[in-house]
Amino acid sequence: MSKKEHMKKMIEEENLDRPQDSVEFLQYVQKHQTKVEHHRGRVHKLSKVIMVVAICGMGFMAYKHMTHGRHHNRDHQYSGNGHRLGASNEASVEDDG
């Protein structure tokens, strides 16, 4: 039952000119307010968690950015001896001639 249908049903059942005078209406509003407060708290906690994750992620990216330059400037000599298949190892190539 939708919220509008529920409100109409309460008004029709109690023959009220003003639904604010109904005890059932007041209970409904209090229950609704409780639900709203509960979900507001959950959304607030979720937003805090997302904020902490974002800050940690930005910190990690900054750390990686700062440390990337230190290791990037080294001269690496690639000889090809470390290949598992030996593709660049000339001694393993046999001549069929």
N, C-alpha and C. Protein backbone atom coordinates (compact mmCIF):
# COMPACT_ATOMS: atom_id res chain seq x y z
N MET A 1 0.85 -1.16 0.00
CA MET A 1 0.00 0.00 0.00
C MET A 1 0.90 1.24 0.00
N SER A 2 0.60 2.15 -0.90
CA SER A 2 1.42 3.35 -0.99
C SER A 2 1.10 4.30 0.17
N LYS A 3 1.94 5.28 0.31
CA LYS A 3 1.78 6.24 1.41
C LYS A 3 0.49 7.04 1.25
N LYS A 4 0.19 7.45 0.03
CA LYS A 4 -1.04 8.23 -0.21
C LYS A 4 -2.28 7.40 0.09
N GLU A 5 -2.27 6.14 -0.34
CA GLU A 5 -3.41 5.27 -0.08
C GLU A 5 -3.60 5.05 1.41
N HIS A 6 -2.50 4.89 2.12
CA HIS A 6 -2.57 4.68 3.57
C HIS A 6 -3.15 5.92 4.26
N MET A 7 -2.72 7.11 3.83
CA MET A 7 -3.24 8.34 4.43
C MET A 7 -4.74 8.49 4.15
N LYS A 8 -5.15 8.21 2.91
CA LYS A 8 -6.58 8.30 2.57
C LYS A 8 -7.41 7.32 3.39
N LYS A 9 -6.87 6.12 3.58
CA LYS A 9 -7.58 5.10 4.35
C LYS A 9 -7.77 5.55 5.80
N MET A 10 -6.72 6.14 6.39
CA MET A 10 -6.83 6.62 7.77
C MET A 10 -7.89 7.72 7.89
N ILE A 11 -7.91 8.62 6.94
CA ILE A 11 -8.87 9.73 6.98
C ILE A 11 -10.29 9.21 6.81
N GLU A 12 -10.49 8.27 5.89
CA GLU A 12 -11.83 7.72 5.64
C GLU A 12 -12.33 6.89 6.82
N GLU A 13 -11.46 6.12 7.45
CA GLU A 13 -11.87 5.26 8.55
C GLU A 13 -12.32 6.05 9.77
N GLU A 14 -11.67 7.15 10.03
CA GLU A 14 -11.98 7.89 11.25
C GLU A 14 -12.83 9.13 10.98
N ASN A 15 -13.19 9.35 9.74
CA ASN A 15 -14.01 10.49 9.36
C ASN A 15 -13.47 11.79 9.94
N LEU A 16 -12.28 12.08 9.64
CA LEU A 16 -11.62 13.27 10.18
C LEU A 16 -11.59 14.39 9.15
N ASP A 17 -11.81 15.58 9.64
CA ASP A 17 -11.62 16.74 8.77
C ASP A 17 -10.14 17.08 8.71
N ARG A 18 -9.49 16.89 9.84
CA ARG A 18 -8.06 17.16 9.92
C ARG A 18 -7.34 15.89 10.35
N PRO A 19 -6.49 15.32 9.49
CA PRO A 19 -5.81 14.06 9.87
C PRO A 19 -4.82 14.24 11.01
N GLN A 20 -4.43 15.46 11.31
CA GLN A 20 -3.48 15.69 12.40
C GLN A 20 -4.09 15.35 13.76
N ASP A 21 -5.40 15.26 13.85
CA ASP A 21 -6.07 14.93 15.11
C ASP A 21 -6.09 13.43 15.38
N SER A 22 -5.72 12.62 14.43
CA SER A 22 -5.81 11.18 14.56
C SER A 22 -4.61 10.63 15.34
N VAL A 23 -4.89 9.71 16.26
CA VAL A 23 -3.84 9.04 17.02
C VAL A 23 -3.03 8.14 16.09
N GLU A 24 -3.72 7.45 15.19
CA GLU A 24 -3.04 6.57 14.26
C GLU A 24 -2.11 7.37 13.34
N PHE A 25 -2.58 8.55 12.94
CA PHE A 25 -1.75 9.41 12.09
C PHE A 25 -0.49 9.84 12.84
N LEU A 26 -0.63 10.22 14.10
CA LEU A 26 0.53 10.63 14.89
C LEU A 26 1.51 9.47 15.08
N GLN A 27 0.97 8.28 15.31
CA GLN A 27 1.84 7.11 15.44
C GLN A 27 2.57 6.82 14.13
N TYR A 28 1.84 6.99 13.02
CA TYR A 28 2.44 6.77 11.70
C TYR A 28 3.58 7.77 11.47
N VAL A 29 3.35 9.02 11.82
CA VAL A 29 4.37 10.06 11.63
C VAL A 29 5.58 9.78 12.52
N GLN A 30 5.36 9.37 13.76
CA GLN A 30 6.47 9.07 14.66
C GLN A 30 7.29 7.88 14.14
N LYS A 31 6.59 6.86 13.65
CA LYS A 31 7.28 5.69 13.10
C LYS A 31 8.09 6.09 11.87
N HIS A 32 7.49 6.93 11.04
CA HIS A 32 8.19 7.41 9.85
C HIS A 32 9.42 8.22 10.23
N GLN A 33 9.29 9.08 11.22
CA GLN A 33 10.41 9.89 11.68
C GLN A 33 11.54 9.02 12.22
N THR A 34 11.19 7.96 12.93
CA THR A 34 12.19 7.02 13.44
C THR A 34 12.96 6.37 12.30
N LYS A 35 12.22 5.95 11.25
CA LYS A 35 12.87 5.35 10.10
C LYS A 35 13.79 6.35 9.40
N VAL A 36 13.33 7.58 9.28
CA VAL A 36 14.13 8.61 8.62
C VAL A 36 15.43 8.84 9.38
N GLU A 37 15.34 8.94 10.70
CA GLU A 37 16.53 9.16 11.52
C GLU A 37 17.51 7.98 11.40
N HIS A 38 16.96 6.76 11.38
CA HIS A 38 17.80 5.57 11.25
C HIS A 38 18.56 5.59 9.92
N HIS A 39 17.86 5.86 8.84
CA HIS A 39 18.50 5.87 7.53
C HIS A 39 19.43 7.07 7.37
N ARG A 40 19.11 8.17 7.99
CA ARG A 40 20.00 9.33 7.95
C ARG A 40 21.34 8.98 8.61
N GLY A 41 21.27 8.26 9.73
CA GLY A 41 22.50 7.83 10.41
C GLY A 41 23.32 6.87 9.56
N ARG A 42 22.63 5.95 8.87
CA ARG A 42 23.33 5.01 8.02
C ARG A 42 24.01 5.71 6.85
N VAL A 43 23.32 6.66 6.25
CA VAL A 43 23.91 7.40 5.13
C VAL A 43 25.10 8.23 5.62
N HIS A 44 24.99 8.80 6.81
CA HIS A 44 26.08 9.59 7.37
C HIS A 44 27.31 8.72 7.61
N LYS A 45 27.11 7.52 8.16
CA LYS A 45 28.23 6.60 8.39
C LYS A 45 28.86 6.18 7.06
N LEU A 46 28.02 5.88 6.07
CA LEU A 46 28.53 5.49 4.76
C LEU A 46 29.35 6.61 4.13
N SER A 47 28.89 7.83 4.26
CA SER A 47 29.64 8.95 3.67
C SER A 47 30.98 9.13 4.38
N LYS A 48 31.02 8.90 5.68
CA LYS A 48 32.30 8.98 6.40
C LYS A 48 33.26 7.90 5.92
N VAL A 49 32.77 6.68 5.73
CA VAL A 49 33.61 5.58 5.26
C VAL A 49 34.14 5.89 3.86
N ILE A 50 33.28 6.39 2.99
CA ILE A 50 33.71 6.72 1.63
C ILE A 50 34.75 7.83 1.67
N MET A 51 34.57 8.81 2.54
CA MET A 51 35.53 9.90 2.66
C MET A 51 36.89 9.37 3.13
N VAL A 52 36.90 8.48 4.11
CA VAL A 52 38.16 7.92 4.62
C VAL A 52 38.84 7.10 3.52
N VAL A 53 38.08 6.31 2.78
CA VAL A 53 38.65 5.51 1.69
C VAL A 53 39.25 6.42 0.63
N ALA A 54 38.55 7.50 0.30
CA ALA A 54 39.05 8.44 -0.71
C ALA A 54 40.34 9.12 -0.25
N ILE A 55 40.39 9.53 1.01
CA ILE A 55 41.60 10.17 1.54
C ILE A 55 42.76 9.19 1.55
N CYS A 56 42.51 7.95 1.96
CA CYS A 56 43.57 6.93 1.95
C CYS A 56 44.04 6.66 0.52
N GLY A 57 43.12 6.61 -0.42
CA GLY A 57 43.49 6.39 -1.82
C GLY A 57 44.32 7.53 -2.36
N MET A 58 43.95 8.75 -2.03
CA MET A 58 44.73 9.90 -2.48
C MET A 58 46.12 9.90 -1.84
N GLY A 59 46.19 9.53 -0.58
CA GLY A 59 47.49 9.43 0.09
C GLY A 59 48.37 8.37 -0.54
N PHE A 60 47.77 7.23 -0.88
CA PHE A 60 48.52 6.16 -1.52
C PHE A 60 49.02 6.60 -2.89
N MET A 61 48.16 7.27 -3.66
CA MET A 61 48.58 7.76 -4.98
C MET A 61 49.70 8.79 -4.84
N ALA A 62 49.63 9.67 -3.85
CA ALA A 62 50.69 10.65 -3.64
C ALA A 62 51.99 9.95 -3.26
N TYR A 63 51.91 8.95 -2.41
CA TYR A 63 53.09 8.18 -2.02
C TYR A 63 53.73 7.50 -3.24
N LYS A 64 52.89 6.86 -4.07
CA LYS A 64 53.40 6.18 -5.25
C LYS A 64 54.00 7.19 -6.24
N HIS A 65 53.40 8.36 -6.34
CA HIS A 65 53.92 9.39 -7.24
C HIS A 65 55.28 9.88 -6.75
N MET A 66 55.42 10.07 -5.46
CA MET A 66 56.68 10.57 -4.92
C MET A 66 57.79 9.52 -5.00
N THR A 67 57.46 8.26 -4.80
CA THR A 67 58.48 7.21 -4.81
C THR A 67 58.76 6.69 -6.22
N HIS A 68 57.91 6.95 -7.18
CA HIS A 68 58.10 6.44 -8.55
C HIS A 68 59.34 7.06 -9.19
N GLY A 69 59.64 8.33 -8.95
CA GLY A 69 60.77 9.02 -9.54
C GLY A 69 62.10 8.47 -9.08
N ARG A 70 62.19 7.96 -7.89
CA ARG A 70 63.45 7.44 -7.35
C ARG A 70 63.91 6.19 -8.09
N HIS A 71 63.00 5.32 -8.41
CA HIS A 71 63.35 4.05 -9.03
C HIS A 71 63.34 4.13 -10.55
N HIS A 72 62.79 5.16 -11.10
CA HIS A 72 62.62 5.27 -12.54
C HIS A 72 63.92 5.69 -13.23
N ASN A 73 64.80 6.38 -12.55
CA ASN A 73 66.00 6.94 -13.17
C ASN A 73 67.16 5.96 -13.30
N ARG A 74 67.03 4.79 -12.78
CA ARG A 74 68.11 3.80 -12.86
C ARG A 74 68.23 3.27 -14.30
N ASP A 75 69.48 3.02 -14.73
CA ASP A 75 69.69 2.43 -16.05
C ASP A 75 69.64 0.92 -15.91
N HIS A 76 68.72 0.33 -16.62
CA HIS A 76 68.58 -1.12 -16.60
C HIS A 76 69.15 -1.68 -17.89
N GLN A 77 70.01 -2.65 -17.77
CA GLN A 77 70.56 -3.33 -18.94
C GLN A 77 69.82 -4.65 -19.11
N TYR A 78 69.14 -4.76 -20.20
CA TYR A 78 68.41 -5.99 -20.47
C TYR A 78 69.22 -6.82 -21.46
N SER A 79 69.72 -7.93 -21.00
CA SER A 79 70.58 -8.75 -21.85
C SER A 79 69.78 -9.81 -22.61
N GLY A 80 68.63 -10.12 -22.13
CA GLY A 80 67.85 -11.17 -22.78
C GLY A 80 68.14 -12.54 -22.23
N ASN A 81 69.10 -12.66 -21.30
CA ASN A 81 69.42 -13.98 -20.75
C ASN A 81 68.34 -14.50 -19.81
N GLY A 82 67.50 -13.61 -19.32
CA GLY A 82 66.50 -14.03 -18.36
C GLY A 82 65.20 -14.51 -18.99
N HIS A 83 65.14 -14.54 -20.32
CA HIS A 83 63.90 -14.99 -20.96
C HIS A 83 63.72 -16.48 -20.76
N ARG A 84 62.54 -16.86 -20.48
CA ARG A 84 62.27 -18.28 -20.23
C ARG A 84 62.37 -19.10 -21.51
N LEU A 85 61.99 -18.53 -22.62
CA LEU A 85 62.00 -19.29 -23.86
C LEU A 85 63.35 -19.19 -24.58
N GLY A 86 64.20 -18.30 -24.12
CA GLY A 86 65.50 -18.15 -24.76
C GLY A 86 65.41 -17.52 -26.12
N ALA A 87 64.45 -16.68 -26.36
CA ALA A 87 64.22 -16.12 -27.68
C ALA A 87 65.36 -15.23 -28.14
N SER A 88 66.04 -14.57 -27.22
CA SER A 88 67.12 -13.69 -27.63
C SER A 88 68.49 -14.31 -27.43
N ASN A 89 68.54 -15.54 -27.01
CA ASN A 89 69.81 -16.22 -26.79
C ASN A 89 70.30 -16.78 -28.13
N GLU A 90 71.35 -16.18 -28.69
CA GLU A 90 71.81 -16.56 -30.01
C GLU A 90 72.47 -17.94 -30.02
N ALA A 91 73.01 -18.37 -28.92
CA ALA A 91 73.68 -19.67 -28.85
C ALA A 91 72.69 -20.82 -29.02
N SER A 92 71.45 -20.60 -28.73
CA SER A 92 70.48 -21.68 -28.82
C SER A 92 69.89 -21.83 -30.22
N VAL A 93 70.18 -20.89 -31.12
CA VAL A 93 69.67 -20.97 -32.48
C VAL A 93 70.58 -21.92 -33.28
N GLU A 94 69.99 -22.93 -33.87
CA GLU A 94 70.77 -23.89 -34.64
C GLU A 94 70.67 -23.59 -36.12
N ASP A 95 71.77 -23.78 -36.81
CA ASP A 95 71.78 -23.57 -38.25
C ASP A 95 71.44 -24.87 -38.96
N ASP A 96 70.51 -24.81 -39.89
CA ASP A 96 70.10 -25.99 -40.63
C ASP A 96 70.91 -26.13 -41.92
N GLY A 97 71.98 -25.38 -42.09
CA GLY A 97 72.69 -25.27 -43.34
C GLY A 97 73.60 -26.33 -43.67
